[in-house]
Amino acid sequence: MSETSATIAQWSNDTFGPVDVLDVVKRAAEEFAELRAAVAMEDGAEKIAEEIADVVIVLCRLAREYDTDPLLA
């Protein structure tokens, strides 16, 4: 199955519940901080990939609220 921003956002909504955009922005900042820490500590490609995925999921969730495809924004 090929994932899209819409399918990722739907999974996120199903998993985490309704979206409060300010909470999602706060979560995005937290996920970026985790990604930055993983990169700074050279945690390895697998850990960094996990953190990138977390950032992407959060941003897809936010983009969906504004009917925007994050890959086209």
Protein backbone atom coordinates (compact mmCIF):
# COMPACT_ATOMS: atom_id res chain seq x y z
CA MET A 1 0.00 0.00 0.00
CA SER A 2 1.25 3.45 -0.88
CA GLU A 3 0.93 6.02 1.86
CA THR A 4 -0.19 9.57 1.17
CA SER A 5 -0.48 12.56 3.45
CA ALA A 6 -4.22 11.84 3.62
CA THR A 7 -3.79 8.19 4.68
CA ILE A 8 -1.15 9.13 7.25
CA ALA A 9 -3.36 11.90 8.64
CA GLN A 10 -6.34 9.53 8.78
CA TRP A 11 -4.29 6.92 10.65
CA SER A 12 -3.16 9.64 13.05
CA ASN A 13 -6.74 10.80 13.64
CA ASP A 14 -7.90 7.23 14.19
CA THR A 15 -5.00 6.55 16.55
CA PHE A 16 -4.74 9.82 18.48
CA GLY A 17 -8.22 11.33 18.22
CA PRO A 18 -9.48 14.71 17.06
CA VAL A 19 -7.10 17.47 16.08
CA ASP A 20 -6.51 20.64 18.06
CA VAL A 21 -4.22 22.55 15.70
CA LEU A 22 -2.36 24.37 18.48
CA ASP A 23 -1.64 21.05 20.16
CA VAL A 24 -0.41 19.66 16.84
CA VAL A 25 1.94 22.63 16.36
CA LYS A 26 3.27 22.09 19.88
CA ARG A 27 3.74 18.38 19.13
CA ALA A 28 5.55 19.24 15.89
CA ALA A 29 8.02 21.36 17.86
CA GLU A 30 8.58 18.47 20.27
CA GLU A 31 9.14 16.02 17.42
CA PHE A 32 11.58 18.39 15.71
CA ALA A 33 13.49 18.69 18.99
CA GLU A 34 13.72 14.90 19.20
CA LEU A 35 14.93 14.75 15.60
CA ARG A 36 17.54 17.43 16.28
CA ALA A 37 18.77 15.53 19.33
CA ALA A 38 19.01 12.27 17.40
CA VAL A 39 21.01 13.94 14.64
CA ALA A 40 23.26 15.78 17.11
CA MET A 41 23.97 12.57 19.02
CA GLU A 42 24.53 10.64 15.79
CA ASP A 43 22.04 8.02 16.95
CA GLY A 44 22.23 6.12 13.69
CA ALA A 45 20.14 6.01 10.56
CA GLU A 46 17.35 3.84 12.00
CA LYS A 47 16.69 6.12 15.00
CA ILE A 48 16.94 9.24 12.87
CA ALA A 49 14.52 7.72 10.33
CA GLU A 50 12.04 7.04 13.15
CA GLU A 51 12.25 10.65 14.26
CA ILE A 52 11.82 11.89 10.69
CA ALA A 53 8.71 9.71 10.38
CA ASP A 54 7.29 11.22 13.57
CA VAL A 55 7.81 14.73 12.19
CA VAL A 56 6.20 13.80 8.88
CA ILE A 57 3.17 12.25 10.58
CA VAL A 58 2.59 15.33 12.73
CA LEU A 59 2.99 17.69 9.76
CA CYS A 60 0.61 15.58 7.65
CA ARG A 61 -1.93 15.79 10.43
CA LEU A 62 -1.60 19.58 10.53
CA ALA A 63 -1.68 19.90 6.74
CA ARG A 64 -4.89 17.89 6.53
CA GLU A 65 -6.62 20.38 8.81
CA TYR A 66 -5.85 23.08 6.26
CA ASP A 67 -6.63 20.91 3.21
CA THR A 68 -3.00 21.10 2.14
CA ASP A 69 -0.70 18.43 0.78
CA PRO A 70 2.59 18.95 2.63
CA LEU A 71 4.53 17.60 -0.33
CA LEU A 72 3.07 20.30 -2.57
CA ALA A 73 3.10 23.20 -0.11
